[in-house]
Amino acid sequence: MVFILHPRLDEEGVASAIEQVTNWIVSSGGEVIETEPWGRRRLAYPIQKQWEGYYVVQRLRMAPEAVAELERNLRLSEDVMRHLIVRPGA
């Protein structure tokens, strides 16, 4: 999963947002294998009138039924501007 956090967040806010996303995954029975913060990067096009965002990549394992709830939480979060969840190929 990749998600982009709003650039208004400071380091503490970014850490809190990552922890919140991790808690959503764990509470739905999933597990986070690895969290890789990529840092602040320029976006290819503006999202919510912003040209920068804080990228985070998480490798996770969770049941397919739980993904819908995770996506719902990500969409409702004001700190997450975009997200993408993909299943690695076999």
N, C-alpha and C. Protein backbone atom coordinates (compact mmCIF):
# COMPACT_ATOMS: atom_id res chain seq x y z
N MET A 1 0.85 -1.17 0.00
CA MET A 1 0.00 0.00 0.00
C MET A 1 0.89 1.23 0.00
N VAL A 2 0.48 2.21 -0.75
CA VAL A 2 1.14 3.51 -0.76
C VAL A 2 0.07 4.54 -0.38
N PHE A 3 0.42 5.46 0.50
CA PHE A 3 -0.48 6.56 0.77
C PHE A 3 0.31 7.85 0.88
N ILE A 4 -0.36 8.95 0.52
CA ILE A 4 0.26 10.28 0.52
C ILE A 4 -0.43 11.11 1.59
N LEU A 5 0.37 11.63 2.50
CA LEU A 5 -0.15 12.47 3.58
C LEU A 5 -0.05 13.95 3.20
N HIS A 6 -0.93 14.74 3.77
CA HIS A 6 -0.98 16.18 3.50
C HIS A 6 0.33 16.84 3.96
N PRO A 7 0.86 17.79 3.17
CA PRO A 7 2.14 18.42 3.51
C PRO A 7 2.09 19.35 4.73
N ARG A 8 0.90 19.70 5.21
CA ARG A 8 0.81 20.59 6.39
C ARG A 8 1.26 19.89 7.67
N LEU A 9 1.35 18.55 7.63
CA LEU A 9 1.73 17.79 8.83
C LEU A 9 3.21 17.96 9.13
N ASP A 10 3.53 18.14 10.40
CA ASP A 10 4.93 18.16 10.82
C ASP A 10 5.37 16.72 11.10
N GLU A 11 6.59 16.53 11.54
CA GLU A 11 7.11 15.18 11.77
C GLU A 11 6.26 14.40 12.77
N GLU A 12 5.82 15.09 13.81
CA GLU A 12 4.98 14.46 14.82
C GLU A 12 3.62 14.06 14.24
N GLY A 13 3.06 14.93 13.41
CA GLY A 13 1.79 14.63 12.76
C GLY A 13 1.88 13.48 11.78
N VAL A 14 3.00 13.40 11.06
CA VAL A 14 3.23 12.29 10.12
C VAL A 14 3.33 10.98 10.90
N ALA A 15 4.08 10.98 11.98
CA ALA A 15 4.22 9.76 12.79
C ALA A 15 2.87 9.33 13.35
N SER A 16 2.07 10.29 13.78
CA SER A 16 0.75 9.99 14.32
C SER A 16 -0.17 9.41 13.24
N ALA A 17 -0.12 9.96 12.04
CA ALA A 17 -0.95 9.47 10.93
C ALA A 17 -0.54 8.06 10.53
N ILE A 18 0.76 7.79 10.48
CA ILE A 18 1.24 6.44 10.15
C ILE A 18 0.79 5.45 11.22
N GLU A 19 0.88 5.86 12.48
CA GLU A 19 0.44 4.99 13.58
C GLU A 19 -1.06 4.72 13.49
N GLN A 20 -1.84 5.72 13.11
CA GLN A 20 -3.28 5.55 12.98
C GLN A 20 -3.61 4.54 11.88
N VAL A 21 -2.95 4.65 10.73
CA VAL A 21 -3.17 3.71 9.63
C VAL A 21 -2.76 2.30 10.07
N THR A 22 -1.64 2.18 10.76
CA THR A 22 -1.19 0.88 11.26
C THR A 22 -2.22 0.29 12.22
N ASN A 23 -2.80 1.12 13.08
CA ASN A 23 -3.82 0.63 14.02
C ASN A 23 -5.06 0.14 13.29
N TRP A 24 -5.45 0.81 12.19
CA TRP A 24 -6.60 0.34 11.40
C TRP A 24 -6.33 -1.05 10.84
N ILE A 25 -5.10 -1.27 10.37
CA ILE A 25 -4.74 -2.56 9.79
C ILE A 25 -4.76 -3.65 10.87
N VAL A 26 -4.13 -3.37 12.00
CA VAL A 26 -4.03 -4.36 13.08
C VAL A 26 -5.41 -4.66 13.67
N SER A 27 -6.25 -3.63 13.83
CA SER A 27 -7.57 -3.85 14.43
C SER A 27 -8.49 -4.68 13.54
N SER A 28 -8.20 -4.73 12.24
CA SER A 28 -9.01 -5.55 11.34
C SER A 28 -8.42 -6.93 11.14
N GLY A 29 -7.43 -7.28 11.96
CA GLY A 29 -6.86 -8.62 11.90
C GLY A 29 -5.66 -8.75 10.97
N GLY A 30 -5.17 -7.65 10.45
CA GLY A 30 -4.02 -7.68 9.55
C GLY A 30 -2.72 -7.47 10.30
N GLU A 31 -1.63 -7.50 9.56
CA GLU A 31 -0.33 -7.22 10.15
C GLU A 31 0.50 -6.38 9.19
N VAL A 32 1.24 -5.45 9.74
CA VAL A 32 2.14 -4.61 8.95
C VAL A 32 3.50 -5.29 8.94
N ILE A 33 3.99 -5.62 7.76
CA ILE A 33 5.28 -6.30 7.64
C ILE A 33 6.41 -5.28 7.66
N GLU A 34 6.21 -4.17 6.94
CA GLU A 34 7.26 -3.14 6.84
C GLU A 34 6.63 -1.79 6.56
N THR A 35 7.14 -0.75 7.18
CA THR A 35 6.73 0.63 6.90
C THR A 35 7.95 1.38 6.42
N GLU A 36 7.82 1.99 5.26
CA GLU A 36 8.94 2.69 4.63
C GLU A 36 8.53 4.13 4.28
N PRO A 37 8.83 5.10 5.15
CA PRO A 37 8.51 6.49 4.82
C PRO A 37 9.48 7.02 3.74
N TRP A 38 8.92 7.50 2.65
CA TRP A 38 9.74 8.04 1.57
C TRP A 38 10.01 9.52 1.73
N GLY A 39 9.27 10.18 2.59
CA GLY A 39 9.48 11.60 2.83
C GLY A 39 8.64 12.48 1.93
N ARG A 40 8.91 13.76 2.01
CA ARG A 40 8.16 14.76 1.24
C ARG A 40 8.68 14.78 -0.19
N ARG A 41 7.74 14.68 -1.13
CA ARG A 41 8.09 14.67 -2.55
C ARG A 41 7.10 15.53 -3.33
N ARG A 42 7.57 15.97 -4.48
CA ARG A 42 6.72 16.74 -5.37
C ARG A 42 5.76 15.81 -6.10
N LEU A 43 4.49 16.22 -6.21
CA LEU A 43 3.48 15.43 -6.89
C LEU A 43 3.52 15.69 -8.39
N ALA A 44 3.08 14.74 -9.18
CA ALA A 44 3.04 14.90 -10.64
C ALA A 44 1.96 15.89 -11.06
N TYR A 45 0.90 16.00 -10.27
CA TYR A 45 -0.19 16.93 -10.52
C TYR A 45 -0.75 17.36 -9.17
N PRO A 46 -1.42 18.50 -9.10
CA PRO A 46 -1.91 18.97 -7.80
C PRO A 46 -3.06 18.09 -7.28
N ILE A 47 -3.01 17.81 -5.99
CA ILE A 47 -4.09 17.10 -5.29
C ILE A 47 -4.54 18.02 -4.17
N GLN A 48 -5.82 18.35 -4.15
CA GLN A 48 -6.36 19.27 -3.15
C GLN A 48 -5.57 20.57 -3.12
N LYS A 49 -5.19 21.05 -4.29
CA LYS A 49 -4.43 22.30 -4.48
C LYS A 49 -3.03 22.25 -3.85
N GLN A 50 -2.50 21.06 -3.65
CA GLN A 50 -1.16 20.89 -3.08
C GLN A 50 -0.24 20.28 -4.13
N TRP A 51 0.99 20.75 -4.18
CA TRP A 51 1.98 20.22 -5.12
C TRP A 51 2.98 19.29 -4.45
N GLU A 52 2.91 19.13 -3.13
CA GLU A 52 3.80 18.23 -2.41
C GLU A 52 2.98 17.34 -1.49
N GLY A 53 3.57 16.22 -1.11
CA GLY A 53 2.94 15.31 -0.18
C GLY A 53 3.99 14.43 0.47
N TYR A 54 3.63 13.80 1.57
CA TYR A 54 4.54 12.93 2.30
C TYR A 54 4.16 11.49 1.96
N TYR A 55 5.05 10.80 1.24
CA TYR A 55 4.79 9.44 0.77
C TYR A 55 5.17 8.41 1.84
N VAL A 56 4.32 7.39 1.98
CA VAL A 56 4.59 6.28 2.89
C VAL A 56 4.21 4.99 2.17
N VAL A 57 5.12 4.00 2.21
CA VAL A 57 4.86 2.67 1.65
C VAL A 57 4.79 1.69 2.79
N GLN A 58 3.71 0.91 2.82
CA GLN A 58 3.58 -0.14 3.84
C GLN A 58 3.34 -1.47 3.15
N ARG A 59 4.10 -2.47 3.55
CA ARG A 59 3.84 -3.83 3.11
C ARG A 59 3.04 -4.49 4.22
N LEU A 60 1.90 -5.06 3.86
CA LEU A 60 1.01 -5.59 4.87
C LEU A 60 0.37 -6.88 4.41
N ARG A 61 -0.20 -7.57 5.36
CA ARG A 61 -0.92 -8.81 5.10
C ARG A 61 -2.25 -8.70 5.82
N MET A 62 -3.35 -8.86 5.07
CA MET A 62 -4.67 -8.82 5.69
C MET A 62 -5.67 -9.57 4.82
N ALA A 63 -6.79 -9.93 5.41
CA ALA A 63 -7.83 -10.65 4.69
C ALA A 63 -8.46 -9.74 3.63
N PRO A 64 -8.82 -10.30 2.49
CA PRO A 64 -9.43 -9.47 1.43
C PRO A 64 -10.71 -8.75 1.88
N GLU A 65 -11.47 -9.37 2.78
CA GLU A 65 -12.71 -8.73 3.25
C GLU A 65 -12.43 -7.46 4.06
N ALA A 66 -11.27 -7.38 4.68
CA ALA A 66 -10.94 -6.23 5.54
C ALA A 66 -10.43 -5.03 4.74
N VAL A 67 -10.10 -5.22 3.48
CA VAL A 67 -9.54 -4.13 2.68
C VAL A 67 -10.57 -3.03 2.47
N ALA A 68 -11.84 -3.38 2.29
CA ALA A 68 -12.88 -2.36 2.07
C ALA A 68 -12.98 -1.41 3.25
N GLU A 69 -12.91 -1.94 4.46
CA GLU A 69 -12.97 -1.09 5.66
C GLU A 69 -11.74 -0.19 5.76
N LEU A 70 -10.57 -0.73 5.43
CA LEU A 70 -9.34 0.07 5.44
C LEU A 70 -9.45 1.21 4.43
N GLU A 71 -9.91 0.92 3.22
CA GLU A 71 -10.07 1.97 2.20
C GLU A 71 -11.07 3.03 2.65
N ARG A 72 -12.14 2.62 3.31
CA ARG A 72 -13.13 3.58 3.82
C ARG A 72 -12.47 4.52 4.83
N ASN A 73 -11.69 3.97 5.76
CA ASN A 73 -11.01 4.80 6.76
C ASN A 73 -10.01 5.75 6.10
N LEU A 74 -9.29 5.27 5.09
CA LEU A 74 -8.32 6.12 4.40
C LEU A 74 -9.02 7.27 3.67
N ARG A 75 -10.16 6.98 3.04
CA ARG A 75 -10.91 8.03 2.33
C ARG A 75 -11.44 9.09 3.29
N LEU A 76 -11.85 8.67 4.49
CA LEU A 76 -12.43 9.60 5.46
C LEU A 76 -11.39 10.42 6.21
N SER A 77 -10.15 9.97 6.22
CA SER A 77 -9.10 10.68 6.94
C SER A 77 -8.74 11.98 6.21
N GLU A 78 -8.67 13.07 6.97
CA GLU A 78 -8.30 14.36 6.38
C GLU A 78 -6.81 14.45 6.09
N ASP A 79 -6.01 13.62 6.75
CA ASP A 79 -4.56 13.66 6.56
C ASP A 79 -4.09 12.90 5.32
N VAL A 80 -4.87 11.91 4.88
CA VAL A 80 -4.49 11.10 3.72
C VAL A 80 -5.10 11.72 2.46
N MET A 81 -4.22 12.15 1.54
CA MET A 81 -4.70 12.78 0.30
C MET A 81 -5.02 11.73 -0.76
N ARG A 82 -4.19 10.69 -0.87
CA ARG A 82 -4.39 9.62 -1.84
C ARG A 82 -3.86 8.32 -1.25
N HIS A 83 -4.38 7.21 -1.75
CA HIS A 83 -3.88 5.90 -1.34
C HIS A 83 -4.05 4.91 -2.50
N LEU A 84 -3.25 3.87 -2.46
CA LEU A 84 -3.32 2.81 -3.46
C LEU A 84 -2.94 1.50 -2.77
N ILE A 85 -3.85 0.54 -2.85
CA ILE A 85 -3.61 -0.77 -2.26
C ILE A 85 -3.56 -1.77 -3.42
N VAL A 86 -2.46 -2.48 -3.53
CA VAL A 86 -2.32 -3.49 -4.58
C VAL A 86 -1.92 -4.83 -3.97
N ARG A 87 -2.31 -5.87 -4.63
CA ARG A 87 -1.93 -7.22 -4.20
C ARG A 87 -0.76 -7.67 -5.06
N PRO A 88 0.36 -8.04 -4.43
CA PRO A 88 1.51 -8.46 -5.22
C PRO A 88 1.19 -9.72 -6.01
N GLY A 89 1.78 -9.82 -7.22
CA GLY A 89 1.55 -10.98 -8.08
C GLY A 89 2.13 -12.24 -7.49
N ALA A 90 1.55 -13.34 -7.89
CA ALA A 90 2.01 -14.63 -7.36
C ALA A 90 3.26 -15.12 -8.06
